[in-house]
C-alpha atoms as a PDB file:
ATOM      1  CA  ASP A   1       0.000   0.000   0.000  1.00  0.00           C
ATOM      2  CA  TRP A   2       1.092   3.554  -0.682  1.00  0.00           C
ATOM      3  CA  MET A   3      -0.403   6.473   1.193  1.00  0.00           C
ATOM      4  CA  GLY A   4      -0.278   9.391  -1.238  1.00  0.00           C
ATOM      5  CA  SER A   5      -1.828  11.645   1.373  1.00  0.00           C
ATOM      6  CA  LEU A   6      -4.031  11.243   4.409  1.00  0.00           C
ATOM      7  CA  ALA A   7      -6.948  10.820   2.000  1.00  0.00           C
ATOM      8  CA  LEU A   8      -5.431   8.484  -0.638  1.00  0.00           C
ATOM      9  CA  ASN A   9      -4.410   4.841  -0.356  1.00  0.00           C
ATOM     10  CA  VAL A  10      -3.289   2.910  -3.456  1.00  0.00           C
ATOM     11  CA  GLY A  11      -2.050  -0.651  -3.351  1.00  0.00           C
ATOM     12  CA  THR A  12      -1.573  -3.976  -5.036  1.00  0.00           C
ATOM     13  CA  SER A  13      -0.899  -7.568  -4.066  1.00  0.00           C
ATOM     14  CA  LEU A  14       0.228 -10.694  -5.841  1.00  0.00           C
ATOM     15  CA  TYR A  15      -0.068 -14.404  -5.037  1.00  0.00           C
ATOM     16  CA  MET A  16       1.592 -17.220  -6.913  1.00  0.00           C
ATOM     17  CA  GLY A  17       1.573 -20.869  -5.899  1.00  0.00           C
ATOM     18  CA  ASN A  18       0.446 -24.394  -6.588  1.00  0.00           C
ATOM     19  CA  SER A  19      -3.193 -25.033  -5.761  1.00  0.00           C
ATOM     20  CA  GLY A  20      -3.420 -28.675  -6.869  1.00  0.00           C
ATOM     21  CA  GLN A  21      -2.623 -29.947  -3.378  1.00  0.00           C
ATOM     22  CA  GLY A  22      -0.893 -33.016  -4.830  1.00  0.00           C
ATOM     23  CA  HIS A  23      -4.062 -34.637  -6.175  1.00  0.00           C
ATOM     24  CA  ARG A  24      -3.440 -37.433  -8.668  1.00  0.00           C
ATOM     25  CA  LEU A  25      -5.459 -38.274 -11.741  1.00  0.00           C
ATOM     26  CA  SER A  26      -6.367 -41.909 -12.438  1.00  0.00           C
ATOM     27  CA  SER A  27      -3.444 -41.878 -14.913  1.00  0.00           C
ATOM     28  CA  GLY A  28      -1.093 -41.198 -11.980  1.00  0.00           C
ATOM     29  CA  VAL A  29      -0.312 -37.641 -13.075  1.00  0.00           C
ATOM     30  CA  THR A  30      -0.141 -35.135 -10.194  1.00  0.00           C
ATOM     31  CA  THR A  31      -1.994 -31.860 -10.740  1.00  0.00           C
ATOM     32  CA  ASP A  32       0.048 -28.745  -9.941  1.00  0.00           C
ATOM     33  CA  VAL A  33      -2.604 -26.140 -10.770  1.00  0.00           C
ATOM     34  CA  GLN A  34      -0.203 -23.186 -10.724  1.00  0.00           C
ATOM     35  CA  THR A  35      -2.268 -20.160  -9.672  1.00  0.00           C
ATOM     36  CA  LEU A  36      -1.490 -16.465 -10.078  1.00  0.00           C
ATOM     37  CA  ILE A  37      -3.730 -13.834  -8.481  1.00  0.00           C
ATOM     38  CA  TRP A  38      -3.115 -10.098  -8.846  1.00  0.00           C
ATOM     39  CA  GLU A  39      -5.211  -7.235  -7.515  1.00  0.00           C
ATOM     40  CA  GLY A  40      -4.972  -3.464  -7.444  1.00  0.00           C
ATOM     41  CA  HIS A  41      -7.039  -1.212  -5.206  1.00  0.00           C
ATOM     42  CA  LEU A  42      -7.506   2.385  -4.173  1.00  0.00           C
ATOM     43  CA  ALA A  43      -9.415   4.319  -1.566  1.00  0.00           C
ATOM     44  CA  TYR A  44      -9.891   8.066  -1.433  1.00  0.00           C
ATOM     45  CA  GLN A  45     -11.628   9.506   1.633  1.00  0.00           C
ATOM     46  CA  THR A  46     -11.898  13.206   2.370  1.00  0.00           C
ATOM     47  CA  SER A  47     -14.528  15.599   3.738  1.00  0.00           C
ATOM     48  CA  GLY A  48     -17.134  12.828   3.912  1.00  0.00           C
ATOM     49  CA  LEU A  49     -16.465  11.590   0.364  1.00  0.00           C
ATOM     50  CA  ASP A  50     -15.589   7.870   0.157  1.00  0.00           C
ATOM     51  CA  ILE A  51     -14.390   6.481  -3.198  1.00  0.00           C
ATOM     52  CA  ARG A  52     -13.127   2.926  -3.491  1.00  0.00           C
ATOM     53  CA  ALA A  53     -12.121   0.716  -6.413  1.00  0.00           C
ATOM     54  CA  LEU A  54     -10.586  -2.701  -6.866  1.00  0.00           C
ATOM     55  CA  PHE A  55      -9.667  -4.931  -9.820  1.00  0.00           C
ATOM     56  CA  ALA A  56      -8.534  -8.555  -9.530  1.00  0.00           C
ATOM     57  CA  LEU A  57      -7.268 -11.032 -12.103  1.00  0.00           C
ATOM     58  CA  ALA A  58      -6.469 -14.731 -11.649  1.00  0.00           C
ATOM     59  CA  ASP A  59      -4.822 -17.222 -14.016  1.00  0.00           C
ATOM     60  CA  VAL A  60      -5.012 -20.944 -13.266  1.00  0.00           C
ATOM     61  CA  ASP A  61      -2.894 -23.540 -15.116  1.00  0.00           C
ATOM     62  CA  ASP A  62      -3.628 -27.235 -15.603  1.00  0.00           C
ATOM     63  CA  VAL A  63      -7.397 -26.614 -15.498  1.00  0.00           C
ATOM     64  CA  ALA A  64      -8.172 -29.475 -17.919  1.00  0.00           C
ATOM     65  CA  SER A  65      -6.563 -31.895 -15.432  1.00  0.00           C
ATOM     66  CA  LEU A  66      -8.392 -30.266 -12.537  1.00  0.00           C
ATOM     67  CA  ASN A  67     -11.691 -30.582 -14.427  1.00  0.00           C
ATOM     68  CA  ALA A  68     -10.948 -34.287 -15.058  1.00  0.00           C
ATOM     69  CA  LEU A  69     -10.148 -34.818 -11.382  1.00  0.00           C
ATOM     70  CA  LYS A  70     -13.410 -33.169 -10.337  1.00  0.00           C
ATOM     71  CA  GLY A  71     -15.455 -34.800 -13.132  1.00  0.00           C
ATOM     72  CA  LEU A  72     -16.472 -31.448 -14.625  1.00  0.00           C
ATOM     73  CA  ILE A  73     -17.786 -31.276 -18.195  1.00  0.00           C
ATOM     74  CA  GLY A  74     -19.378 -28.724 -20.543  1.00  0.00           C
ATOM     75  CA  ASN A  75     -19.818 -25.278 -19.019  1.00  0.00           C
ATOM     76  CA  ALA A  76     -19.035 -26.455 -15.462  1.00  0.00           C
ATOM     77  CA  SER A  77     -15.287 -25.918 -16.028  1.00  0.00           C
ATOM     78  CA  VAL A  78     -13.066 -24.124 -13.570  1.00  0.00           C
ATOM     79  CA  GLY A  79     -11.932 -20.897 -15.211  1.00  0.00           C
ATOM     80  CA  GLU A  80      -8.396 -20.603 -16.585  1.00  0.00           C
ATOM     81  CA  ARG A  81      -8.804 -16.846 -16.279  1.00  0.00           C
ATOM     82  CA  LEU A  82     -11.059 -15.091 -13.766  1.00  0.00           C
ATOM     83  CA  GLN A  83     -11.459 -11.361 -13.330  1.00  0.00           C
ATOM     84  CA  GLY A  84     -13.580  -8.829 -11.570  1.00  0.00           C
ATOM     85  CA  GLY A  85     -13.690  -5.454  -9.981  1.00  0.00           C
ATOM     86  CA  TYR A  86     -15.808  -2.736  -8.487  1.00  0.00           C
ATOM     87  CA  VAL A  87     -16.097   1.022  -8.106  1.00  0.00           C
ATOM     88  CA  GLN A  88     -17.930   2.425  -5.089  1.00  0.00           C
ATOM     89  CA  LEU A  89     -18.977   5.954  -4.234  1.00  0.00           C
ATOM     90  CA  GLY A  90     -20.283   6.974  -0.801  1.00  0.00           C
ATOM     91  CA  TYR A  91     -20.724  10.078   1.295  1.00  0.00           C
ATOM     92  CA  ASP A  92     -20.849  10.422   5.094  1.00  0.00           C
ATOM     93  CA  LEU A  93     -23.969  12.455   5.846  1.00  0.00           C
ATOM     94  CA  LEU A  94     -22.713  13.149   9.383  1.00  0.00           C
ATOM     95  CA  THR A  95     -19.305  14.501   8.344  1.00  0.00           C
ATOM     96  CA  THR A  96     -20.076  18.022   9.597  1.00  0.00           C
ATOM     97  CA  ALA A  97     -21.833  16.859  12.800  1.00  0.00           C
ATOM     98  CA  SER A  98     -19.874  16.666  16.033  1.00  0.00           C
ATOM     99  CA  THR A  99     -20.373  12.924  16.446  1.00  0.00           C
ATOM    100  CA  PRO A 100     -18.181   9.839  16.096  1.00  0.00           C
ATOM    101  CA  HIS A 101     -21.025   8.211  14.114  1.00  0.00           C
ATOM    102  CA  GLN A 102     -20.925   7.855  10.354  1.00  0.00           C
ATOM    103  CA  LEU A 103     -23.966   7.403   8.109  1.00  0.00           C
ATOM    104  CA  ILE A 104     -22.873   6.569   4.579  1.00  0.00           C
ATOM    105  CA  PRO A 105     -25.220   5.922   1.662  1.00  0.00           C
ATOM    106  CA  PHE A 106     -23.281   4.277  -1.161  1.00  0.00           C
ATOM    107  CA  LEU A 107     -23.543   3.071  -4.729  1.00  0.00           C
ATOM    108  CA  ARG A 108     -21.332   0.264  -6.045  1.00  0.00           C
ATOM    109  CA  TYR A 109     -20.899  -1.167  -9.545  1.00  0.00           C
ATOM    110  CA  GLU A 110     -19.279  -4.624  -9.799  1.00  0.00           C
ATOM    111  CA  SER A 111     -18.368  -6.850 -12.699  1.00  0.00           C
ATOM    112  CA  VAL A 112     -17.246 -10.459 -12.094  1.00  0.00           C
ATOM    113  CA  ASP A 113     -16.525 -13.209 -14.620  1.00  0.00           C
ATOM    114  CA  THR A 114     -15.195 -16.500 -13.229  1.00  0.00           C
ATOM    115  CA  GLN A 115     -14.824 -18.049 -16.687  1.00  0.00           C
ATOM    116  CA  VAL A 116     -13.191 -15.380 -18.842  1.00  0.00           C
ATOM    117  CA  ARG A 117     -11.207 -18.232 -20.399  1.00  0.00           C
ATOM    118  CA  VAL A 118     -11.783 -21.997 -20.117  1.00  0.00           C
ATOM    119  CA  PRO A 119      -9.772 -24.937 -21.550  1.00  0.00           C
ATOM    120  CA  ASP A 120     -10.365 -26.261 -25.077  1.00  0.00           C
ATOM    121  CA  GLY A 121     -13.341 -28.604 -25.148  1.00  0.00           C
ATOM    122  CA  PHE A 122     -15.215 -26.635 -22.474  1.00  0.00           C
ATOM    123  CA  SER A 123     -17.538 -23.667 -22.728  1.00  0.00           C
ATOM    124  CA  ALA A 124     -18.076 -20.714 -20.424  1.00  0.00           C
ATOM    125  CA  ASN A 125     -21.358 -20.587 -18.522  1.00  0.00           C
ATOM    126  CA  PRO A 126     -22.950 -17.172 -19.240  1.00  0.00           C
ATOM    127  CA  ALA A 127     -24.380 -17.155 -15.686  1.00  0.00           C
ATOM    128  CA  ASN A 128     -20.801 -16.721 -14.405  1.00  0.00           C
ATOM    129  CA  ASP A 129     -20.408 -13.354 -16.156  1.00  0.00           C
ATOM    130  CA  ASP A 130     -22.183 -11.205 -13.566  1.00  0.00           C
ATOM    131  CA  THR A 131     -22.787  -7.469 -13.177  1.00  0.00           C
ATOM    132  CA  ILE A 132     -24.053  -6.198  -9.814  1.00  0.00           C
ATOM    133  CA  VAL A 133     -25.316  -2.730  -8.921  1.00  0.00           C
ATOM    134  CA  THR A 134     -25.644  -2.147  -5.169  1.00  0.00           C
ATOM    135  CA  LEU A 135     -27.437   0.686  -3.411  1.00  0.00           C
ATOM    136  CA  GLY A 136     -26.812   0.667   0.320  1.00  0.00           C
ATOM    137  CA  LEU A 137     -26.497   2.421   3.635  1.00  0.00           C
ATOM    138  CA  SER A 138     -23.773   1.921   6.265  1.00  0.00           C
ATOM    139  CA  TRP A 139     -23.938   3.127   9.840  1.00  0.00           C
ATOM    140  CA  LYS A 140     -20.830   3.229  12.048  1.00  0.00           C
ATOM    141  CA  PRO A 141     -21.672   4.078  15.656  1.00  0.00           C
ATOM    142  CA  LEU A 142     -17.950   3.515  16.431  1.00  0.00           C
ATOM    143  CA  PRO A 143     -14.985   3.150  14.058  1.00  0.00           C
ATOM    144  CA  GLN A 144     -14.794  -0.613  14.804  1.00  0.00           C
ATOM    145  CA  ILE A 145     -18.537  -1.397  14.412  1.00  0.00           C
ATOM    146  CA  ILE A 146     -20.679  -1.223  11.285  1.00  0.00           C
ATOM    147  CA  GLY A 147     -24.285  -1.981  10.457  1.00  0.00           C
ATOM    148  CA  LYS A 148     -25.078  -2.234   6.788  1.00  0.00           C
ATOM    149  CA  THR A 149     -28.081  -2.768   4.570  1.00  0.00           C
ATOM    150  CA  ASP A 150     -28.199  -2.834   0.798  1.00  0.00           C
ATOM    151  CA  TYR A 151     -30.142  -3.911  -2.239  1.00  0.00           C
ATOM    152  CA  GLN A 152     -28.312  -5.612  -5.108  1.00  0.00           C
ATOM    153  CA  VAL A 153     -29.448  -5.863  -8.717  1.00  0.00           C
ATOM    154  CA  HIS A 154     -27.787  -8.908 -10.335  1.00  0.00           C
ATOM    155  CA  ARG A 155     -27.583  -9.258 -14.105  1.00  0.00           C
ATOM    156  CA  ASN A 156     -25.669 -11.911 -16.035  1.00  0.00           C
ATOM    157  CA  ARG A 157     -25.342 -12.949 -19.662  1.00  0.00           C
ATOM    158  CA  ALA A 158     -27.653 -15.927 -19.047  1.00  0.00           C
ATOM    159  CA  GLY A 159     -30.439 -13.667 -17.803  1.00  0.00           C
ATOM    160  CA  THR A 160     -30.705 -15.641 -14.552  1.00  0.00           C
ATOM    161  CA  GLY A 161     -29.470 -13.024 -12.063  1.00  0.00           C
ATOM    162  CA  VAL A 162     -31.447 -12.861  -8.815  1.00  0.00           C
ATOM    163  CA  ASP A 163     -31.704  -9.530  -6.982  1.00  0.00           C
ATOM    164  CA  GLN A 164     -31.199  -9.585  -3.218  1.00  0.00           C
ATOM    165  CA  PHE A 165     -31.615  -7.555  -0.057  1.00  0.00           C
ATOM    166  CA  ASN A 166     -28.836  -7.825   2.561  1.00  0.00           C
ATOM    167  CA  ILE A 167     -28.432  -6.830   6.201  1.00  0.00           C
ATOM    168  CA  ALA A 168     -25.079  -7.200   7.964  1.00  0.00           C
ATOM    169  CA  LEU A 169     -23.350  -6.333  11.227  1.00  0.00           C
ATOM    170  CA  GLY A 170     -19.563  -6.149  11.415  1.00  0.00           C
ATOM    171  CA  TYR A 171     -16.895  -5.734  14.072  1.00  0.00           C
ATOM    172  CA  LEU A 172     -13.250  -4.905  13.350  1.00  0.00           C
ATOM    173  CA  PHE A 173     -10.940  -6.263  16.026  1.00  0.00           C
END
């Protein structure tokens, strides 16, 4: 992470490793499933304004072997490439009040596709290419506690997205 100012945080992370856990196919071949995950994120918070964004990309090798091990066929394949990200905009309505509370309505746009690329002989399931628009409200009575409610509109290329209403309570320790 890099703190460009008190208001700006920009960062990235990278993971690379074998995810096959030594599983063997019936042919005796061990699956390595080399996995690379990269993400970049930013947060900008000033004078009540709260802007956040994140993008993540994953590449998985040896997916055809993993599919064989798991008995997956057709559009049930594990993705060789997965990607997604979001942009969120919020504003603390209590920023000028003399209170430790925060009341933040927010709007978030997400795009997630867990099968950007699949191995030859498989097809991508259009239901796994999802776009989500979230309208929500967060309340922080203390910096470590948050109550949150939101409504999400889910759309995917298969036309099977199901909208949902969420309520959550969180504690940062």
